[in-house]
Amino acid sequence: MSPQSSANSSKTDFDVIVLGGGVVGINTAYFNLKNGKSVCVIDRQPEAGLETSFANGGQVSVSHAEPWANPSAPLKVLKWLMQSDAPLLFRPRMDVHQWLWIAKFLVDCLPHRANRHTTEIVKLAVQSRSLIQKIRSDENFHYDERSKGILHFYRNAKEFEAAIPVAELMRKYGCERTVIDADKVVEIEPAFADKRHEIAGATYTAEDESGDAFKFTQNLAQVCERMGATFLTNTQVTALGADRASGEVSSVEVVGPEGYKTLRARDIVVSMGSWSAPFLRNYGVNLTIYPAKGYSVTIPTDGSNMAPVTSLTDDEYKLVYSNYGSRLRVAGTAELSGYTRDLNRTRCQAIVDNVKKLFPRAGNFDAATFWSGLRPATPSNIPYVGRTRYRNLWLNTGHGTLGWTLGAGSGFRVANMIADGKGPMAA
């Protein structure tokens, strides 16, 4: 279990306050603690990792760095508009921020922008993957991790051919994403044996990993508490004491089990996921983040040896697979429909049907459980990592589908910016 509100919760002054206790916020706290800072983590949930980090796809996936906004995306989105079970579902709303996000997304589909964004994400992801491995070694905890790589497979020959130059670009920046044929796919993952004829090709990244991001987050939160972090859980952040004239944030106003409280810190980091944007808008910090609701299905394997053991990415249906031993986690799709987490049963069933078609003996489908989470997506898929207009207000948010993949790297970078007292302007 992760920390509840800490015993020293009466303390009000800190070096760093982190707003948000998901995988990104906990990594941020950890690296600031490593730098010798006193840290307070604030989260509205009773434990760390209970929102977007809770039941995600489980991949530490440098190979998934190609942004959604790429040259092939606009035609795909048009095709999917009328499909209720489409990988990307757009529900138009009377929300200017939704339409602004879509407009920027279309601009980011231009080839030169997509390539630049892919490069930036790969660089951060490679660094982050190494840091996750170091955390696992240094702190000696486990989270159903598997170091069998990630297999990204394609049924469509044109999609496979389009992936080859992207893989080449990634290899230039440290992601050894190799192109393989269908025979090699079956060799790496024997569960594909009956479906070999459906596979046009694949890419394989041996260094990528998988595991339970929720367990990782909770374990790291416990490490942070042992290092002296204060956790204020069941606590809502209500306001910042922001002074535009001085360009500083003097305090954080919260309400929790002990009532209203004013906290002070030299530096404050916003890692509030999809809620970062509406919260900061009141202070003149405008982030192009919109929630992309994703779904996951967790299927008990019941000891089945027919479930895939290599982590997979299904390009056609935009699904990822991670095997946790007793459970097979399958996650994906994106729904731009506002801040609701209501489960769309049609979309849940579409995921189950896709798994059944591909791996019909993977586990007990009748006992499957469903979940949805709001991924804080930017149009480019590049997170906000750095300073705001306020000298001591920092951002580590907007990681989209790559929160766990990028969280350690971005947490490390922000902590070092805070230690140095300088960093790039993120927004």
Protein backbone atom coordinates (compact mmCIF):
# COMPACT_ATOMS: atom_id res chain seq x y z
CA MET A 1 0.00 0.00 0.00
CA SER A 2 1.13 3.52 -0.69
CA PRO A 3 1.49 6.20 1.97
CA GLN A 4 -1.62 7.76 3.49
CA SER A 5 -1.32 11.28 4.88
CA SER A 6 2.06 11.35 6.60
CA ALA A 7 2.56 11.69 10.32
CA ASN A 8 4.38 15.00 9.80
CA SER A 9 1.45 16.45 7.83
CA SER A 10 1.33 19.43 10.20
CA LYS A 11 4.45 20.80 8.54
CA THR A 12 3.70 23.72 6.21
CA ASP A 13 7.06 24.79 4.74
CA PHE A 14 8.98 22.76 2.16
CA ASP A 15 11.63 23.07 -0.49
CA VAL A 16 9.35 21.52 -3.12
CA ILE A 17 5.62 20.85 -3.30
CA VAL A 18 4.44 18.43 -5.98
CA LEU A 19 0.80 18.74 -7.02
CA GLY A 20 -0.27 15.25 -8.08
CA GLY A 21 0.57 11.74 -6.87
CA GLY A 22 0.50 9.76 -10.11
CA VAL A 23 3.53 8.12 -11.66
CA VAL A 24 4.83 11.47 -12.97
CA GLY A 25 4.37 13.28 -9.66
CA ILE A 26 5.95 10.48 -7.61
CA ASN A 27 8.98 10.38 -9.91
CA THR A 28 9.25 14.15 -9.51
CA ALA A 29 9.18 13.81 -5.74
CA TYR A 30 11.75 11.01 -5.79
CA PHE A 31 14.37 12.88 -7.77
CA ASN A 32 13.92 16.04 -5.72
CA LEU A 33 14.44 13.97 -2.58
CA LYS A 34 17.57 12.51 -4.16
CA ASN A 35 18.77 16.09 -4.59
CA GLY A 36 18.37 16.67 -0.85
CA LYS A 37 15.12 18.66 -0.98
CA SER A 38 12.30 18.48 1.53
CA VAL A 39 9.21 17.44 -0.44
CA CYS A 40 5.45 17.42 0.00
CA VAL A 41 3.17 15.50 -2.40
CA ILE A 42 -0.50 16.48 -2.56
CA ASP A 43 -3.16 14.28 -4.13
CA ARG A 44 -6.95 14.22 -3.94
CA GLN A 45 -7.03 10.42 -3.82
CA PRO A 46 -6.38 8.34 -0.67
CA GLU A 47 -3.25 6.75 -2.17
CA ALA A 48 -0.71 7.37 -4.92
CA GLY A 49 -1.40 6.25 -8.45
CA LEU A 50 -5.18 5.83 -8.28
CA GLU A 51 -6.08 7.84 -11.38
CA THR A 52 -4.45 7.64 -14.83
CA SER A 53 -1.58 5.50 -13.52
CA PHE A 54 -3.91 2.87 -12.07
CA ALA A 55 -4.64 0.42 -14.92
CA ASN A 56 -2.79 1.66 -17.98
CA GLY A 57 -1.23 -0.47 -20.70
CA GLY A 58 1.88 -1.26 -18.70
CA GLN A 59 4.51 -0.53 -21.33
CA VAL A 60 7.83 1.23 -20.86
CA SER A 61 7.88 1.87 -24.56
CA VAL A 62 10.52 4.00 -26.23
CA SER A 63 9.39 2.36 -29.47
CA HIS A 64 5.96 3.98 -29.06
CA ALA A 65 7.43 7.46 -29.38
CA GLU A 66 5.88 8.31 -32.75
CA PRO A 67 3.21 10.90 -31.93
CA TRP A 68 -0.45 10.48 -32.81
CA ALA A 69 -0.06 13.63 -34.90
CA ASN A 70 1.70 12.29 -37.99
CA PRO A 71 1.07 12.60 -41.74
CA SER A 72 -1.20 9.54 -41.89
CA ALA A 73 -3.41 10.63 -38.98
CA PRO A 74 -5.94 13.03 -40.64
CA LEU A 75 -7.28 10.46 -43.12
CA LYS A 76 -7.49 7.81 -40.42
CA VAL A 77 -9.41 10.16 -38.13
CA LEU A 78 -11.89 10.97 -40.91
CA LYS A 79 -12.44 7.26 -41.51
CA TRP A 80 -13.03 6.64 -37.82
CA LEU A 81 -15.49 9.49 -37.25
CA MET A 82 -18.57 7.34 -37.86
CA GLN A 83 -17.31 4.23 -36.01
CA SER A 84 -18.41 3.91 -32.37
CA ASP A 85 -15.64 1.37 -31.74
CA ALA A 86 -12.91 3.29 -33.61
CA PRO A 87 -9.43 3.54 -32.04
CA LEU A 88 -9.88 7.32 -31.90
CA LEU A 89 -13.35 8.66 -31.11
CA PHE A 90 -14.07 12.38 -31.32
CA ARG A 91 -17.19 13.70 -29.59
CA PRO A 92 -17.56 17.41 -30.50
CA ARG A 93 -18.44 19.62 -27.53
CA MET A 94 -19.12 23.30 -26.97
CA ASP A 95 -15.60 23.61 -25.64
CA VAL A 96 -13.17 26.03 -27.23
CA HIS A 97 -10.24 24.18 -25.66
CA GLN A 98 -11.22 20.94 -27.40
CA TRP A 99 -11.36 22.65 -30.81
CA LEU A 100 -8.10 24.50 -30.20
CA TRP A 101 -6.46 21.18 -29.37
CA ILE A 102 -7.76 19.63 -32.60
CA ALA A 103 -6.50 22.58 -34.67
CA LYS A 104 -3.00 22.29 -33.20
CA PHE A 105 -3.09 18.53 -33.66
CA LEU A 106 -3.69 18.95 -37.40
CA VAL A 107 -0.78 21.39 -37.68
CA ASP A 108 1.46 18.92 -35.86
CA CYS A 109 0.62 16.26 -38.48
CA LEU A 110 2.95 18.02 -40.94
CA PRO A 111 5.88 15.68 -41.71
CA HIS A 112 8.71 17.93 -40.49
CA ARG A 113 6.89 18.61 -37.21
CA ALA A 114 6.06 14.94 -36.64
CA ASN A 115 9.70 13.93 -37.21
CA ARG A 116 10.98 16.61 -34.83
CA HIS A 117 8.51 15.57 -32.14
CA THR A 118 9.39 11.89 -32.56
CA THR A 119 13.06 12.74 -32.07
CA GLU A 120 12.39 14.74 -28.90
CA ILE A 121 10.20 12.02 -27.40
CA VAL A 122 12.73 9.27 -28.19
CA LYS A 123 15.55 11.18 -26.48
CA LEU A 124 13.51 11.67 -23.30
CA ALA A 125 12.16 8.10 -23.40
CA VAL A 126 15.61 6.49 -23.75
CA GLN A 127 16.84 8.45 -20.72
CA SER A 128 13.69 7.62 -18.78
CA ARG A 129 13.85 3.88 -19.48
CA SER A 130 17.40 3.77 -18.09
CA LEU A 131 16.30 5.65 -14.99
CA ILE A 132 13.40 3.25 -14.38
CA GLN A 133 15.83 0.34 -14.53
CA LYS A 134 18.16 2.16 -12.12
CA ILE A 135 15.31 2.84 -9.69
CA ARG A 136 14.37 -0.84 -9.76
CA SER A 137 17.95 -1.83 -9.01
CA ASP A 138 18.70 0.86 -6.43
CA GLU A 139 15.44 0.57 -4.50
CA ASN A 140 15.07 -3.20 -4.93
CA PHE A 141 11.34 -3.48 -5.60
CA HIS A 142 9.26 -5.25 -8.21
CA TYR A 143 6.05 -4.55 -10.11
CA ASP A 144 5.38 -7.60 -12.34
CA GLU A 145 8.06 -6.30 -14.67
CA ARG A 146 9.11 -8.19 -17.78
CA SER A 147 12.22 -7.39 -19.79
CA LYS A 148 11.22 -9.24 -22.95
CA GLY A 149 11.02 -6.21 -25.22
CA ILE A 150 8.03 -4.86 -27.16
CA LEU A 151 6.76 -6.28 -30.42
CA HIS A 152 4.90 -3.76 -32.62
CA PHE A 153 3.02 -5.75 -35.26
CA TYR A 154 1.18 -4.75 -38.44
CA ARG A 155 -1.55 -6.50 -40.39
CA ASN A 156 -1.58 -3.92 -43.18
CA ALA A 157 1.39 -3.97 -45.57
CA LYS A 158 1.22 -0.20 -46.24
CA GLU A 159 1.23 0.58 -42.51
CA PHE A 160 4.20 -1.74 -42.06
CA GLU A 161 6.12 -0.05 -44.88
CA ALA A 162 5.36 3.38 -43.36
CA ALA A 163 6.80 2.20 -40.04
CA ILE A 164 10.20 1.35 -41.50
CA PRO A 165 11.51 4.96 -41.88
CA VAL A 166 10.09 5.82 -38.43
CA ALA A 167 12.05 2.91 -36.93
CA GLU A 168 15.16 4.13 -38.74
CA LEU A 169 14.71 7.63 -37.31
CA MET A 170 14.33 6.19 -33.80
CA ARG A 171 17.49 4.11 -34.15
CA LYS A 172 19.47 7.30 -34.82
CA TYR A 173 18.58 8.52 -31.33
CA GLY A 174 19.13 5.37 -29.30
CA CYS A 175 15.96 3.31 -29.73
CA GLU A 176 17.05 0.00 -31.29
CA ARG A 177 13.74 -0.68 -33.02
CA THR A 178 14.50 -3.42 -35.55
CA VAL A 179 12.32 -4.40 -38.53
CA ILE A 180 11.37 -8.10 -38.66
CA ASP A 181 9.18 -10.44 -40.73
CA ALA A 182 6.24 -12.63 -39.69
CA ASP A 183 8.41 -15.71 -39.09
CA LYS A 184 10.54 -13.77 -36.63
CA VAL A 185 7.37 -12.52 -34.92
CA VAL A 186 6.31 -16.10 -34.21
CA GLU A 187 9.81 -16.96 -33.03
CA ILE A 188 9.74 -14.09 -30.52
CA GLU A 189 6.12 -14.65 -29.49
CA PRO A 190 4.83 -18.20 -30.13
CA ALA A 191 1.26 -17.18 -29.25
CA PHE A 192 1.10 -15.77 -32.81
CA ALA A 193 1.59 -19.21 -34.38
CA ASP A 194 -2.05 -19.57 -35.50
CA LYS A 195 -2.19 -15.99 -36.81
CA ARG A 196 1.11 -15.83 -38.66
CA HIS A 197 -0.71 -15.45 -42.02
CA GLU A 198 -2.36 -12.22 -40.80
CA ILE A 199 0.90 -10.41 -40.02
CA ALA A 200 2.52 -8.23 -42.69
CA GLY A 201 5.55 -7.50 -40.54
CA ALA A 202 6.65 -5.97 -37.26
CA THR A 203 9.26 -4.04 -35.38
CA TYR A 204 10.89 -5.33 -32.22
CA THR A 205 12.60 -3.30 -29.48
CA ALA A 206 14.41 -5.70 -27.18
CA GLU A 207 15.33 -3.02 -24.60
CA ASP A 208 11.72 -1.98 -23.96
CA GLU A 209 9.89 -3.39 -20.95
CA SER A 210 6.49 -3.86 -19.39
CA GLY A 211 5.01 -4.06 -15.91
CA ASP A 212 2.31 -2.73 -13.60
CA ALA A 213 2.66 1.06 -13.45
CA PHE A 214 0.35 1.24 -10.42
CA LYS A 215 2.57 -1.13 -8.42
CA PHE A 216 5.64 0.83 -9.52
CA THR A 217 4.05 4.11 -8.40
CA GLN A 218 2.99 2.74 -5.02
CA ASN A 219 6.38 1.18 -4.38
CA LEU A 220 8.18 4.39 -5.29
CA ALA A 221 5.80 6.38 -3.08
CA GLN A 222 6.80 4.19 -0.15
CA VAL A 223 10.45 4.83 -0.97
CA CYS A 224 9.74 8.57 -0.99
CA GLU A 225 8.07 8.39 2.40
CA ARG A 226 11.07 6.54 3.83
CA MET A 227 13.25 9.30 2.41
CA GLY A 228 11.23 11.85 4.38
CA ALA A 229 8.53 13.03 1.97
CA THR A 230 5.27 14.34 3.39
CA PHE A 231 2.11 13.00 1.72
CA LEU A 232 -1.15 14.91 1.96
CA THR A 233 -3.76 12.54 0.52
CA ASN A 234 -7.53 13.00 0.29
CA THR A 235 -6.48 16.62 -0.17
CA GLN A 236 -7.71 19.01 -2.85
CA VAL A 237 -5.58 21.89 -4.13
CA THR A 238 -7.90 24.89 -4.23
CA ALA A 239 -5.65 27.81 -5.16
CA LEU A 240 -2.14 29.15 -5.65
CA GLY A 241 -0.89 32.30 -3.99
CA ALA A 242 0.35 33.62 -7.32
CA ASP A 243 1.67 37.18 -7.69
CA ARG A 244 1.97 38.17 -11.35
CA ALA A 245 3.80 41.36 -10.47
CA SER A 246 6.63 39.59 -8.65
CA GLY A 247 6.45 36.53 -10.90
CA GLU A 248 6.36 34.11 -7.97
CA VAL A 249 3.96 31.71 -6.29
CA SER A 250 4.11 32.19 -2.55
CA SER A 251 1.74 29.45 -1.35
CA VAL A 252 -0.60 26.58 -2.09
CA GLU A 253 -4.08 26.53 -0.58
CA VAL A 254 -5.48 23.04 0.14
CA VAL A 255 -8.46 21.47 1.85
CA GLY A 256 -8.27 17.98 3.31
CA PRO A 257 -9.11 15.91 6.37
CA GLU A 258 -7.64 18.60 8.63
CA GLY A 259 -9.58 21.40 6.93
CA TYR A 260 -8.09 24.35 5.03
CA LYS A 261 -4.37 24.83 5.11
CA THR A 262 -1.79 27.13 3.56
CA LEU A 263 1.48 25.51 2.49
CA ARG A 264 4.63 27.28 1.38
CA ALA A 265 7.54 26.11 -0.73
CA ARG A 266 10.49 27.53 -2.60
CA ASP A 267 9.36 25.64 -5.71
CA ILE A 268 6.07 24.10 -6.82
CA VAL A 269 5.63 21.47 -9.55
CA VAL A 270 2.29 20.88 -11.27
CA SER A 271 1.78 17.21 -12.19
CA MET A 272 -2.01 17.12 -12.14
CA GLY A 273 -2.52 15.25 -15.40
CA SER A 274 -5.52 16.38 -17.44
CA TRP A 275 -6.55 18.80 -14.70
CA SER A 276 -3.31 20.78 -15.00
CA ALA A 277 -4.70 22.89 -17.83
CA PRO A 278 -8.00 24.09 -16.28
CA PHE A 279 -6.32 24.63 -12.90
CA LEU A 280 -3.52 26.82 -14.27
CA ARG A 281 -5.71 28.81 -16.63
CA ASN A 282 -6.78 30.97 -13.69
CA TYR A 283 -3.15 32.11 -13.30
CA GLY A 284 -2.46 33.02 -16.92
CA VAL A 285 -0.63 29.76 -17.68
CA ASN A 286 -2.26 28.29 -20.78
CA LEU A 287 -1.52 24.65 -21.60
CA THR A 288 -2.78 22.84 -24.67
CA ILE A 289 -3.71 19.68 -22.82
CA TYR A 290 -6.95 17.79 -23.39
CA PRO A 291 -8.06 14.51 -21.80
CA ALA A 292 -7.88 11.50 -24.12
CA LYS A 293 -9.93 8.86 -22.37
CA GLY A 294 -8.33 5.44 -22.69
CA TYR A 295 -9.71 2.05 -21.78
CA SER A 296 -8.14 -1.07 -20.40
CA VAL A 297 -9.29 -4.64 -19.93
CA THR A 298 -7.66 -6.94 -17.38
CA ILE A 299 -8.15 -10.63 -18.16
CA PRO A 300 -7.23 -13.34 -15.61
CA THR A 301 -4.94 -15.79 -17.40
CA ASP A 302 -5.88 -18.65 -15.04
CA GLY A 303 -2.50 -20.21 -15.69
CA SER A 304 -3.03 -20.23 -19.46
CA ASN A 305 0.15 -20.74 -21.47
CA MET A 306 -1.59 -19.39 -24.58
CA ALA A 307 -1.45 -15.74 -23.55
CA PRO A 308 1.36 -13.66 -25.10
CA VAL A 309 4.30 -13.14 -22.76
CA THR A 310 6.03 -10.48 -24.85
CA SER A 311 4.51 -7.02 -24.58
CA LEU A 312 2.71 -6.16 -27.82
CA THR A 313 1.47 -3.13 -29.72
CA ASP A 314 -1.30 -3.76 -32.26
CA ASP A 315 -1.00 -0.99 -34.83
CA GLU A 316 -4.38 -1.52 -36.53
CA TYR A 317 -6.50 -1.37 -33.38
CA LYS A 318 -4.12 0.83 -31.35
CA LEU A 319 -4.00 -1.64 -28.47
CA VAL A 320 -1.14 -2.66 -26.20
CA TYR A 321 -0.74 -5.96 -24.36
CA SER A 322 1.21 -6.62 -21.16
CA ASN A 323 1.36 -9.94 -19.33
CA TYR A 324 1.55 -9.66 -15.52
CA GLY A 325 1.71 -13.41 -14.91
CA SER A 326 -1.76 -13.95 -13.47
CA ARG A 327 -3.29 -11.15 -15.56
CA LEU A 328 -3.22 -9.98 -19.16
CA ARG A 329 -3.65 -6.22 -19.45
CA VAL A 330 -4.92 -4.89 -22.80
CA ALA A 331 -5.33 -1.15 -23.18
CA GLY A 332 -5.80 1.49 -25.80
CA THR A 333 -8.16 3.65 -27.84
CA ALA A 334 -8.58 7.37 -27.30
CA GLU A 335 -11.82 9.22 -26.78
CA LEU A 336 -11.85 13.02 -26.97
CA SER A 337 -15.09 13.55 -25.10
CA GLY A 338 -14.35 15.82 -22.16
CA TYR A 339 -13.53 14.98 -18.56
CA THR A 340 -15.97 12.14 -17.98
CA ARG A 341 -14.62 8.68 -17.14
CA ASP A 342 -17.88 6.86 -17.91
CA LEU A 343 -17.27 3.45 -19.44
CA ASN A 344 -18.52 3.07 -23.00
CA ARG A 345 -19.52 -0.60 -23.11
CA THR A 346 -19.28 -0.73 -26.91
CA ARG A 347 -15.64 0.29 -26.75
CA CYS A 348 -14.92 -2.11 -23.88
CA GLN A 349 -16.42 -4.99 -25.83
CA ALA A 350 -14.48 -4.00 -28.96
CA ILE A 351 -11.22 -4.50 -27.03
CA VAL A 352 -12.35 -7.90 -25.73
CA ASP A 353 -13.44 -8.99 -29.21
CA ASN A 354 -10.08 -8.01 -30.69
CA VAL A 355 -8.21 -10.00 -28.04
CA LYS A 356 -10.45 -13.03 -28.54
CA LYS A 357 -9.85 -13.01 -32.31
CA LEU A 358 -6.11 -12.82 -31.89
CA PHE A 359 -5.58 -14.97 -28.77
CA PRO A 360 -8.80 -16.94 -28.14
CA ARG A 361 -7.25 -19.04 -25.35
CA ALA A 362 -5.46 -16.20 -23.57
CA GLY A 363 -7.50 -16.39 -20.37
CA ASN A 364 -10.89 -16.16 -18.70
CA PHE A 365 -12.68 -13.51 -20.73
CA ASP A 366 -15.87 -13.87 -18.66
CA ALA A 367 -13.96 -12.59 -15.60
CA ALA A 368 -12.48 -9.56 -17.39
CA THR A 369 -12.57 -6.21 -15.58
CA PHE A 370 -12.75 -2.81 -17.25
CA TRP A 371 -11.32 0.61 -16.46
CA SER A 372 -10.98 4.03 -18.04
CA GLY A 373 -8.53 6.83 -17.39
CA LEU A 374 -7.96 10.34 -18.71
CA ARG A 375 -4.59 10.70 -20.39
CA PRO A 376 -3.32 14.31 -20.36
CA ALA A 377 -2.58 14.61 -24.08
CA THR A 378 -0.83 17.44 -25.90
CA PRO A 379 -1.32 17.71 -29.69
CA SER A 380 2.35 16.88 -30.31
CA ASN A 381 2.57 14.22 -27.55
CA ILE A 382 5.47 16.20 -26.06
CA PRO A 383 4.90 16.89 -22.35
CA TYR A 384 5.35 20.23 -20.67
CA VAL A 385 8.61 19.97 -18.72
CA GLY A 386 10.09 23.20 -17.40
CA ARG A 387 9.35 26.64 -16.01
CA THR A 388 6.20 28.75 -16.28
CA ARG A 389 5.89 32.54 -16.29
CA TYR A 390 6.34 32.31 -12.51
CA ARG A 391 9.93 31.85 -11.41
CA ASN A 392 9.22 29.04 -8.95
CA LEU A 393 6.25 27.34 -10.62
CA TRP A 394 7.25 24.33 -12.72
CA LEU A 395 5.46 21.93 -15.04
CA ASN A 396 5.79 18.20 -15.40
CA THR A 397 2.56 17.26 -17.12
CA GLY A 398 0.93 16.42 -20.45
CA HIS A 399 2.56 13.02 -21.04
CA GLY A 400 -0.44 11.50 -22.83
CA THR A 401 -0.10 7.73 -23.28
CA LEU A 402 3.56 7.79 -22.20
CA GLY A 403 3.31 8.85 -18.56
CA TRP A 404 5.13 5.82 -17.22
CA THR A 405 7.59 5.66 -20.10
CA LEU A 406 8.58 9.34 -19.77
CA GLY A 407 7.85 10.00 -16.09
CA ALA A 408 11.23 9.10 -14.64
CA GLY A 409 13.09 11.10 -17.28
CA SER A 410 10.93 14.20 -16.95
CA GLY A 411 10.97 13.96 -13.13
CA PHE A 412 14.76 13.78 -13.21
CA ARG A 413 14.97 16.78 -15.54
CA VAL A 414 12.61 18.97 -13.52
CA ALA A 415 14.38 18.10 -10.26
CA ASN A 416 17.70 19.14 -11.76
CA MET A 417 16.21 22.36 -13.11
CA ILE A 418 14.97 23.16 -9.62
CA ALA A 419 18.39 22.34 -8.14
CA ASP A 420 20.08 24.61 -10.68
CA GLY A 421 17.49 27.35 -10.27
CA LYS A 422 16.98 27.60 -14.02
CA GLY A 423 15.39 25.77 -16.89
CA PRO A 424 13.63 26.28 -20.22
CA MET A 425 10.27 28.01 -20.37
CA ALA A 426 7.64 25.29 -20.89
CA ALA A 427 4.59 27.54 -20.97
